[in-house]
Amino acid sequence: MRLATWNVNSVTARVPRLVDWLSATRPDVVCLQETKCSADAFPYDAVRPLGYEVAAHGDGRWNGVALLSRVGITDVTRGLRDEPGFPAPEARAIGATCGGVRVWSVYVPNGREPGHDHYAYKLAWLTALRDTMAAELPGHPAYAVCGDFNVAPSDDDVWDPSVFVGSTHVTAPEREALAELLALGLRDVVPRPLKYDRPFTYWDYRAGMFHRNEGMRIDLVYASEPLADAVTDAYVDREARKGKGPSDHAPVVVDVDLAEGVLPG
């Protein structure tokens, strides 16, 4: 199975790029974030000819997540257990079983700045994510939580830690929330970079930061131990961040050998 995650930063604005990338990369399951469209407005007709079923969760504003699968989609869940809102719950999480693997696409709140109400919301949302994963994980040996976590797991995951002092994405409570997810029995599948020495997945549009590789690793794949053990390759598709009109995020692509012992039965 080839699993991928990508914050597309508006799926309707990226349809040609998405279709070209799907055609070239041929992932079996794709987690999309920041689709910025309602579920009804998702461009289903653009991806169906490539063999993808779609489960979308969106309200047409700034959030939105989706799952694309060429290996089936069943048991779709939209939203988390006891999910907090800002003030109402937002379209930030969707889960489904695809080809025997339970997969979640998540778009964690940004947090804005420490001390802001949105920062408290972010931490509460991550708690709801942990509780949802804790309830599901025992029943799914093959399990993956993928998406834009808006948290860099360590100082090695930002281009210059001194730039981020006092900012979100790097604070101790945010990183502790990630550690609590891993403590459930998940593993951080760290991809290899296609260029440079660190696998950044996000670069701000401003001031040539992409070309100087002044980025962050905030798009993550957290996999159950059996699934992580079956990973044969993982990489950041930096090429997808190039050209005219890209997202400010690059896809993460993970190849998994679903041999006997990974899937139940």
C-alpha atoms as a PDB file:
ATOM      1  CA  MET A   1       0.000   0.000   0.000  1.00  0.00           C
ATOM      2  CA  ARG A   2       1.129   3.522  -0.772  1.00  0.00           C
ATOM      3  CA  LEU A   3      -0.234   5.981   1.795  1.00  0.00           C
ATOM      4  CA  ALA A   4       0.108   9.753   1.463  1.00  0.00           C
ATOM      5  CA  THR A   5      -0.878  12.892   3.328  1.00  0.00           C
ATOM      6  CA  TRP A   6      -1.036  16.419   1.926  1.00  0.00           C
ATOM      7  CA  ASN A   7      -2.312  19.764   3.138  1.00  0.00           C
ATOM      8  CA  VAL A   8      -3.484  21.069  -0.231  1.00  0.00           C
ATOM      9  CA  ASN A   9      -4.451  24.555   0.994  1.00  0.00           C
ATOM     10  CA  SER A  10      -7.741  24.604  -0.990  1.00  0.00           C
ATOM     11  CA  VAL A  11      -8.542  21.533  -3.032  1.00  0.00           C
ATOM     12  CA  THR A  12     -10.569  23.440  -5.624  1.00  0.00           C
ATOM     13  CA  ALA A  13      -7.610  25.728  -6.291  1.00  0.00           C
ATOM     14  CA  ARG A  14      -5.277  22.732  -6.697  1.00  0.00           C
ATOM     15  CA  VAL A  15      -7.417  20.366  -8.777  1.00  0.00           C
ATOM     16  CA  PRO A  16      -5.069  20.229 -11.798  1.00  0.00           C
ATOM     17  CA  ARG A  17      -2.025  19.807  -9.574  1.00  0.00           C
ATOM     18  CA  LEU A  18      -3.799  17.176  -7.451  1.00  0.00           C
ATOM     19  CA  VAL A  19      -4.886  15.166 -10.477  1.00  0.00           C
ATOM     20  CA  ASP A  20      -1.407  15.309 -12.025  1.00  0.00           C
ATOM     21  CA  TRP A  21       0.180  14.276  -8.747  1.00  0.00           C
ATOM     22  CA  LEU A  22      -2.246  11.399  -8.187  1.00  0.00           C
ATOM     23  CA  SER A  23      -1.625  10.169 -11.725  1.00  0.00           C
ATOM     24  CA  ALA A  24       2.148  10.275 -11.312  1.00  0.00           C
ATOM     25  CA  THR A  25       2.485   9.050  -7.716  1.00  0.00           C
ATOM     26  CA  ARG A  26      -0.437   6.589  -7.639  1.00  0.00           C
ATOM     27  CA  PRO A  27      -1.027   6.434  -3.892  1.00  0.00           C
ATOM     28  CA  ASP A  28      -3.613   3.911  -2.726  1.00  0.00           C
ATOM     29  CA  VAL A  29      -4.855   6.078   0.138  1.00  0.00           C
ATOM     30  CA  VAL A  30      -4.524   9.858   0.398  1.00  0.00           C
ATOM     31  CA  CYS A  31      -5.253  12.035   3.419  1.00  0.00           C
ATOM     32  CA  LEU A  32      -6.022  15.643   2.463  1.00  0.00           C
ATOM     33  CA  GLN A  33      -6.262  18.636   4.780  1.00  0.00           C
ATOM     34  CA  GLU A  34      -7.364  22.242   4.482  1.00  0.00           C
ATOM     35  CA  THR A  35      -9.669  21.387   1.602  1.00  0.00           C
ATOM     36  CA  LYS A  36     -11.589  24.630   2.239  1.00  0.00           C
ATOM     37  CA  CYS A  37     -14.830  23.353   0.718  1.00  0.00           C
ATOM     38  CA  SER A  38     -18.037  21.726   1.838  1.00  0.00           C
ATOM     39  CA  ALA A  39     -18.374  17.992   1.396  1.00  0.00           C
ATOM     40  CA  ASP A  40     -20.858  18.601  -1.425  1.00  0.00           C
ATOM     41  CA  ALA A  41     -18.399  20.875  -3.248  1.00  0.00           C
ATOM     42  CA  PHE A  42     -15.456  18.462  -3.216  1.00  0.00           C
ATOM     43  CA  PRO A  43     -14.230  17.807  -6.802  1.00  0.00           C
ATOM     44  CA  TYR A  44     -15.256  14.156  -6.843  1.00  0.00           C
ATOM     45  CA  ASP A  45     -15.525  14.009 -10.630  1.00  0.00           C
ATOM     46  CA  ALA A  46     -11.880  15.007 -11.003  1.00  0.00           C
ATOM     47  CA  VAL A  47     -10.516  12.039  -9.016  1.00  0.00           C
ATOM     48  CA  ARG A  48     -13.058   9.305  -9.746  1.00  0.00           C
ATOM     49  CA  PRO A  49     -11.609   8.561 -13.220  1.00  0.00           C
ATOM     50  CA  LEU A  50      -8.348   7.706 -11.440  1.00  0.00           C
ATOM     51  CA  GLY A  51     -10.141   5.064  -9.386  1.00  0.00           C
ATOM     52  CA  TYR A  52     -10.598   6.959  -6.131  1.00  0.00           C
ATOM     53  CA  GLU A  53     -13.530   6.818  -3.787  1.00  0.00           C
ATOM     54  CA  VAL A  54     -13.794   9.881  -1.561  1.00  0.00           C
ATOM     55  CA  ALA A  55     -15.004  10.540   1.963  1.00  0.00           C
ATOM     56  CA  ALA A  56     -15.042  14.274   2.688  1.00  0.00           C
ATOM     57  CA  HIS A  57     -15.750  16.373   5.758  1.00  0.00           C
ATOM     58  CA  GLY A  58     -16.004  20.112   5.251  1.00  0.00           C
ATOM     59  CA  ASP A  59     -18.125  23.153   5.943  1.00  0.00           C
ATOM     60  CA  GLY A  60     -16.884  25.352   3.119  1.00  0.00           C
ATOM     61  CA  ARG A  61     -14.739  27.645   5.237  1.00  0.00           C
ATOM     62  CA  TRP A  62     -11.096  27.419   6.298  1.00  0.00           C
ATOM     63  CA  ASN A  63     -10.816  23.826   7.383  1.00  0.00           C
ATOM     64  CA  GLY A  64     -11.912  20.597   5.742  1.00  0.00           C
ATOM     65  CA  VAL A  65     -10.412  17.113   5.458  1.00  0.00           C
ATOM     66  CA  ALA A  66     -10.866  14.204   3.091  1.00  0.00           C
ATOM     67  CA  LEU A  67      -9.796  10.635   2.413  1.00  0.00           C
ATOM     68  CA  LEU A  68      -9.230   9.296  -1.110  1.00  0.00           C
ATOM     69  CA  SER A  69      -8.885   5.545  -1.598  1.00  0.00           C
ATOM     70  CA  ARG A  70      -8.402   3.080  -4.428  1.00  0.00           C
ATOM     71  CA  VAL A  71      -8.740   0.146  -2.005  1.00  0.00           C
ATOM     72  CA  GLY A  72     -12.190   0.858  -0.569  1.00  0.00           C
ATOM     73  CA  ILE A  73     -13.612   3.107   2.121  1.00  0.00           C
ATOM     74  CA  THR A  74     -15.753   1.720   4.942  1.00  0.00           C
ATOM     75  CA  ASP A  75     -16.693   2.682   8.501  1.00  0.00           C
ATOM     76  CA  VAL A  76     -16.323   6.407   7.873  1.00  0.00           C
ATOM     77  CA  THR A  77     -16.184   8.593  10.986  1.00  0.00           C
ATOM     78  CA  ARG A  78     -16.408  12.380  10.786  1.00  0.00           C
ATOM     79  CA  GLY A  79     -15.109  14.196  13.843  1.00  0.00           C
ATOM     80  CA  LEU A  80     -13.599  13.102  17.152  1.00  0.00           C
ATOM     81  CA  ARG A  81     -15.047  11.809  20.397  1.00  0.00           C
ATOM     82  CA  ASP A  82     -16.137  14.737  22.579  1.00  0.00           C
ATOM     83  CA  GLU A  83     -14.572  17.102  20.061  1.00  0.00           C
ATOM     84  CA  PRO A  84     -14.183  20.695  21.281  1.00  0.00           C
ATOM     85  CA  GLY A  85     -15.142  23.646  19.104  1.00  0.00           C
ATOM     86  CA  PHE A  86     -14.219  27.240  18.474  1.00  0.00           C
ATOM     87  CA  PRO A  87     -16.972  27.748  19.461  1.00  0.00           C
ATOM     88  CA  ALA A  88     -18.622  24.962  17.418  1.00  0.00           C
ATOM     89  CA  PRO A  89     -16.771  21.814  16.290  1.00  0.00           C
ATOM     90  CA  GLU A  90     -14.964  22.251  12.975  1.00  0.00           C
ATOM     91  CA  ALA A  91     -14.280  19.892  10.063  1.00  0.00           C
ATOM     92  CA  ARG A  92     -10.816  18.770  11.136  1.00  0.00           C
ATOM     93  CA  ALA A  93     -10.838  14.971  11.333  1.00  0.00           C
ATOM     94  CA  ILE A  94     -12.127  12.084   9.249  1.00  0.00           C
ATOM     95  CA  GLY A  95     -11.384   8.389   9.666  1.00  0.00           C
ATOM     96  CA  ALA A  96     -12.145   5.297   7.591  1.00  0.00           C
ATOM     97  CA  THR A  97     -10.963   1.768   6.971  1.00  0.00           C
ATOM     98  CA  CYS A  98      -9.178   1.480   3.629  1.00  0.00           C
ATOM     99  CA  GLY A  99      -7.806  -1.842   2.409  1.00  0.00           C
ATOM    100  CA  GLY A 100      -7.783  -3.205   5.951  1.00  0.00           C
ATOM    101  CA  VAL A 101      -5.960  -0.190   7.429  1.00  0.00           C
ATOM    102  CA  ARG A 102      -7.732   2.253   9.727  1.00  0.00           C
ATOM    103  CA  VAL A 103      -6.665   5.705   8.514  1.00  0.00           C
ATOM    104  CA  TRP A 104      -7.355   9.183   9.902  1.00  0.00           C
ATOM    105  CA  SER A 105      -6.785  12.492   8.140  1.00  0.00           C
ATOM    106  CA  VAL A 106      -6.420  15.282  10.694  1.00  0.00           C
ATOM    107  CA  TYR A 107      -5.947  19.036  10.534  1.00  0.00           C
ATOM    108  CA  VAL A 108      -4.920  20.213  13.992  1.00  0.00           C
ATOM    109  CA  PRO A 109      -5.833  23.816  14.919  1.00  0.00           C
ATOM    110  CA  ASN A 110      -3.019  26.332  14.453  1.00  0.00           C
ATOM    111  CA  GLY A 111      -3.126  27.785  17.962  1.00  0.00           C
ATOM    112  CA  ARG A 112      -2.205  31.305  16.831  1.00  0.00           C
ATOM    113  CA  GLU A 113      -0.068  32.212  19.854  1.00  0.00           C
ATOM    114  CA  PRO A 114       0.500  30.865  23.383  1.00  0.00           C
ATOM    115  CA  GLY A 115      -2.091  32.269  25.752  1.00  0.00           C
ATOM    116  CA  HIS A 116      -4.661  32.816  23.001  1.00  0.00           C
ATOM    117  CA  ASP A 117      -8.049  31.112  23.245  1.00  0.00           C
ATOM    118  CA  HIS A 118      -7.177  29.285  20.010  1.00  0.00           C
ATOM    119  CA  TYR A 119      -4.067  27.834  21.684  1.00  0.00           C
ATOM    120  CA  ALA A 120      -6.220  26.398  24.479  1.00  0.00           C
ATOM    121  CA  TYR A 121      -8.563  25.053  21.804  1.00  0.00           C
ATOM    122  CA  LYS A 122      -5.615  23.417  20.049  1.00  0.00           C
ATOM    123  CA  LEU A 123      -4.547  21.590  23.201  1.00  0.00           C
ATOM    124  CA  ALA A 124      -8.123  20.511  23.940  1.00  0.00           C
ATOM    125  CA  TRP A 125      -8.473  19.264  20.364  1.00  0.00           C
ATOM    126  CA  LEU A 126      -5.281  17.231  20.669  1.00  0.00           C
ATOM    127  CA  THR A 127      -6.675  15.693  23.866  1.00  0.00           C
ATOM    128  CA  ALA A 128      -9.828  14.675  21.968  1.00  0.00           C
ATOM    129  CA  LEU A 129      -7.633  13.189  19.244  1.00  0.00           C
ATOM    130  CA  ARG A 130      -5.719  11.165  21.826  1.00  0.00           C
ATOM    131  CA  ASP A 131      -8.939   9.910  23.407  1.00  0.00           C
ATOM    132  CA  THR A 132     -10.337   8.903  20.016  1.00  0.00           C
ATOM    133  CA  MET A 133      -7.156   7.058  19.082  1.00  0.00           C
ATOM    134  CA  ALA A 134      -7.017   5.348  22.486  1.00  0.00           C
ATOM    135  CA  ALA A 135     -10.530   3.988  21.967  1.00  0.00           C
ATOM    136  CA  GLU A 136      -9.879   2.725  18.442  1.00  0.00           C
ATOM    137  CA  LEU A 137      -6.299   1.533  18.397  1.00  0.00           C
ATOM    138  CA  PRO A 138      -6.774  -1.759  20.293  1.00  0.00           C
ATOM    139  CA  GLY A 139      -9.174  -2.964  17.612  1.00  0.00           C
ATOM    140  CA  HIS A 140      -7.008  -2.015  14.630  1.00  0.00           C
ATOM    141  CA  PRO A 141      -3.496  -3.489  14.375  1.00  0.00           C
ATOM    142  CA  ALA A 142      -2.969  -1.595  11.108  1.00  0.00           C
ATOM    143  CA  TYR A 143      -3.598   2.035  12.044  1.00  0.00           C
ATOM    144  CA  ALA A 144      -2.378   5.418  10.819  1.00  0.00           C
ATOM    145  CA  VAL A 145      -3.065   8.999  11.868  1.00  0.00           C
ATOM    146  CA  CYS A 146      -1.862  11.375   9.181  1.00  0.00           C
ATOM    147  CA  GLY A 147      -2.073  15.056   8.508  1.00  0.00           C
ATOM    148  CA  ASP A 148      -1.091  18.592   9.335  1.00  0.00           C
ATOM    149  CA  PHE A 149      -0.468  18.527  13.080  1.00  0.00           C
ATOM    150  CA  ASN A 150       0.719  22.143  13.264  1.00  0.00           C
ATOM    151  CA  VAL A 151       3.362  20.969  15.737  1.00  0.00           C
ATOM    152  CA  ALA A 152       7.059  20.358  15.070  1.00  0.00           C
ATOM    153  CA  PRO A 153       7.977  17.333  17.207  1.00  0.00           C
ATOM    154  CA  SER A 154      11.487  18.582  18.053  1.00  0.00           C
ATOM    155  CA  ASP A 155      13.872  21.467  17.454  1.00  0.00           C
ATOM    156  CA  ASP A 156      15.403  19.448  14.621  1.00  0.00           C
ATOM    157  CA  ASP A 157      12.066  19.809  12.844  1.00  0.00           C
ATOM    158  CA  VAL A 158      12.350  23.593  12.374  1.00  0.00           C
ATOM    159  CA  TRP A 159      14.972  25.398  10.338  1.00  0.00           C
ATOM    160  CA  ASP A 160      16.071  27.706  13.187  1.00  0.00           C
ATOM    161  CA  PRO A 161      14.723  27.105  16.711  1.00  0.00           C
ATOM    162  CA  SER A 162      15.682  30.626  17.790  1.00  0.00           C
ATOM    163  CA  VAL A 163      13.160  32.076  15.333  1.00  0.00           C
ATOM    164  CA  PHE A 164      10.299  30.209  17.031  1.00  0.00           C
ATOM    165  CA  VAL A 165      10.928  31.161  20.650  1.00  0.00           C
ATOM    166  CA  GLY A 166       7.616  32.233  22.152  1.00  0.00           C
ATOM    167  CA  SER A 167       5.637  30.929  19.172  1.00  0.00           C
ATOM    168  CA  THR A 168       3.199  28.117  18.705  1.00  0.00           C
ATOM    169  CA  HIS A 169       4.139  24.839  16.999  1.00  0.00           C
ATOM    170  CA  VAL A 170       7.166  24.303  19.267  1.00  0.00           C
ATOM    171  CA  THR A 171       5.919  24.781  22.839  1.00  0.00           C
ATOM    172  CA  ALA A 172       6.290  22.095  25.475  1.00  0.00           C
ATOM    173  CA  PRO A 173       2.522  21.476  25.909  1.00  0.00           C
ATOM    174  CA  GLU A 174       2.073  20.939  22.162  1.00  0.00           C
ATOM    175  CA  ARG A 175       4.992  18.536  21.979  1.00  0.00           C
ATOM    176  CA  GLU A 176       3.780  16.736  25.093  1.00  0.00           C
ATOM    177  CA  ALA A 177       0.439  16.214  23.342  1.00  0.00           C
ATOM    178  CA  LEU A 178       2.273  14.497  20.481  1.00  0.00           C
ATOM    179  CA  ALA A 179       4.206  12.373  22.962  1.00  0.00           C
ATOM    180  CA  GLU A 180       0.905  11.251  24.487  1.00  0.00           C
ATOM    181  CA  LEU A 181      -0.230  10.060  21.061  1.00  0.00           C
ATOM    182  CA  LEU A 182       2.958   8.066  20.606  1.00  0.00           C
ATOM    183  CA  ALA A 183       2.550   6.598  24.090  1.00  0.00           C
ATOM    184  CA  LEU A 184      -0.641   4.899  22.874  1.00  0.00           C
ATOM    185  CA  GLY A 185       1.539   2.639  20.714  1.00  0.00           C
ATOM    186  CA  LEU A 186       2.020   4.798  17.640  1.00  0.00           C
ATOM    187  CA  ARG A 187       5.317   5.556  15.934  1.00  0.00           C
ATOM    188  CA  ASP A 188       6.439   8.668  14.076  1.00  0.00           C
ATOM    189  CA  VAL A 189       7.243   7.563  10.510  1.00  0.00           C
ATOM    190  CA  VAL A 190       9.938  10.096   9.647  1.00  0.00           C
ATOM    191  CA  PRO A 191      10.286  10.493   5.873  1.00  0.00           C
ATOM    192  CA  ARG A 192      13.501  11.069   3.994  1.00  0.00           C
ATOM    193  CA  PRO A 193      14.016  14.417   2.275  1.00  0.00           C
ATOM    194  CA  LEU A 194      14.433  14.473  -1.484  1.00  0.00           C
ATOM    195  CA  LYS A 195      16.830  17.399  -1.068  1.00  0.00           C
ATOM    196  CA  TYR A 196      18.815  18.926   1.808  1.00  0.00           C
ATOM    197  CA  ASP A 197      19.333  17.174   5.112  1.00  0.00           C
ATOM    198  CA  ARG A 198      16.015  17.515   6.941  1.00  0.00           C
ATOM    199  CA  PRO A 199      12.541  16.333   5.875  1.00  0.00           C
ATOM    200  CA  PHE A 200      10.631  19.601   6.146  1.00  0.00           C
ATOM    201  CA  THR A 201       7.052  19.524   4.860  1.00  0.00           C
ATOM    202  CA  TYR A 202       6.005  23.184   5.125  1.00  0.00           C
ATOM    203  CA  TRP A 203       7.593  26.408   3.924  1.00  0.00           C
ATOM    204  CA  ASP A 204       6.003  29.843   4.213  1.00  0.00           C
ATOM    205  CA  TYR A 205       5.247  31.472   0.870  1.00  0.00           C
ATOM    206  CA  ARG A 206       7.115  34.624   1.895  1.00  0.00           C
ATOM    207  CA  ALA A 207      10.658  35.756   1.186  1.00  0.00           C
ATOM    208  CA  GLY A 208      11.917  32.724  -0.721  1.00  0.00           C
ATOM    209  CA  MET A 209      11.797  30.477   2.316  1.00  0.00           C
ATOM    210  CA  PHE A 210      11.183  27.355   0.225  1.00  0.00           C
ATOM    211  CA  HIS A 211      14.254  27.913  -1.924  1.00  0.00           C
ATOM    212  CA  ARG A 212      16.393  28.472   1.189  1.00  0.00           C
ATOM    213  CA  ASN A 213      14.816  25.410   2.844  1.00  0.00           C
ATOM    214  CA  GLU A 214      13.666  27.469   5.810  1.00  0.00           C
ATOM    215  CA  GLY A 215      10.861  25.119   6.698  1.00  0.00           C
ATOM    216  CA  MET A 216       9.253  22.931   9.326  1.00  0.00           C
ATOM    217  CA  ARG A 217       8.197  19.297   9.653  1.00  0.00           C
ATOM    218  CA  ILE A 218       4.596  19.555  10.796  1.00  0.00           C
ATOM    219  CA  ASP A 219       2.891  17.094   8.412  1.00  0.00           C
ATOM    220  CA  LEU A 220       3.197  13.769  10.182  1.00  0.00           C
ATOM    221  CA  VAL A 221       2.369  10.094   9.790  1.00  0.00           C
ATOM    222  CA  TYR A 222       1.828   8.295  13.084  1.00  0.00           C
ATOM    223  CA  ALA A 223       1.470   4.534  12.560  1.00  0.00           C
ATOM    224  CA  SER A 224       0.773   1.554  14.793  1.00  0.00           C
ATOM    225  CA  GLU A 225       3.787  -0.627  15.535  1.00  0.00           C
ATOM    226  CA  PRO A 226       2.842  -3.401  13.067  1.00  0.00           C
ATOM    227  CA  LEU A 227       2.223  -0.864  10.308  1.00  0.00           C
ATOM    228  CA  ALA A 228       5.386   1.109  11.062  1.00  0.00           C
ATOM    229  CA  ASP A 229       7.424  -2.111  11.031  1.00  0.00           C
ATOM    230  CA  ALA A 230       6.079  -2.792   7.523  1.00  0.00           C
ATOM    231  CA  VAL A 231       7.190   0.567   6.073  1.00  0.00           C
ATOM    232  CA  THR A 232       9.590   0.062   3.162  1.00  0.00           C
ATOM    233  CA  ASP A 233      10.073   3.729   2.247  1.00  0.00           C
ATOM    234  CA  ALA A 234       8.874   7.181   3.238  1.00  0.00           C
ATOM    235  CA  TYR A 235       9.712  10.494   1.616  1.00  0.00           C
ATOM    236  CA  VAL A 236       8.704  14.138   1.373  1.00  0.00           C
ATOM    237  CA  ASP A 237       7.655  14.879  -2.196  1.00  0.00           C
ATOM    238  CA  ARG A 238       9.360  18.251  -2.359  1.00  0.00           C
ATOM    239  CA  GLU A 239       8.791  18.418  -6.122  1.00  0.00           C
ATOM    240  CA  ALA A 240       5.065  18.934  -5.490  1.00  0.00           C
ATOM    241  CA  ARG A 241       5.883  22.182  -3.667  1.00  0.00           C
ATOM    242  CA  LYS A 242       7.508  23.654  -6.790  1.00  0.00           C
ATOM    243  CA  GLY A 243       6.077  25.452  -9.797  1.00  0.00           C
ATOM    244  CA  LYS A 244       3.169  27.824 -10.230  1.00  0.00           C
ATOM    245  CA  GLY A 245       0.438  27.946  -7.596  1.00  0.00           C
ATOM    246  CA  PRO A 246       1.576  25.223  -5.176  1.00  0.00           C
ATOM    247  CA  SER A 247       0.317  24.552  -1.686  1.00  0.00           C
ATOM    248  CA  ASP A 248       2.694  25.751   1.021  1.00  0.00           C
ATOM    249  CA  HIS A 249       2.939  22.109   2.152  1.00  0.00           C
ATOM    250  CA  ALA A 250       4.526  19.127   0.408  1.00  0.00           C
ATOM    251  CA  PRO A 251       3.008  15.623   0.443  1.00  0.00           C
ATOM    252  CA  VAL A 252       4.461  12.867   2.595  1.00  0.00           C
ATOM    253  CA  VAL A 253       4.414   9.471   0.867  1.00  0.00           C
ATOM    254  CA  VAL A 254       4.772   6.179   2.751  1.00  0.00           C
ATOM    255  CA  ASP A 255       5.105   2.728   1.196  1.00  0.00           C
ATOM    256  CA  VAL A 256       3.996  -0.230   3.319  1.00  0.00           C
ATOM    257  CA  ASP A 257       4.310  -3.954   2.661  1.00  0.00           C
ATOM    258  CA  LEU A 258       1.014  -5.326   3.971  1.00  0.00           C
ATOM    259  CA  ALA A 259       2.284  -8.845   4.423  1.00  0.00           C
ATOM    260  CA  GLU A 260       0.777 -11.475   6.682  1.00  0.00           C
ATOM    261  CA  GLY A 261       0.816 -10.319  10.286  1.00  0.00           C
ATOM    262  CA  VAL A 262       0.120  -6.651   9.535  1.00  0.00           C
ATOM    263  CA  LEU A 263      -3.548  -7.041   8.685  1.00  0.00           C
ATOM    264  CA  PRO A 264      -5.927  -8.970  10.931  1.00  0.00           C
ATOM    265  CA  GLY A 265      -7.289 -12.335   9.897  1.00  0.00           C
END
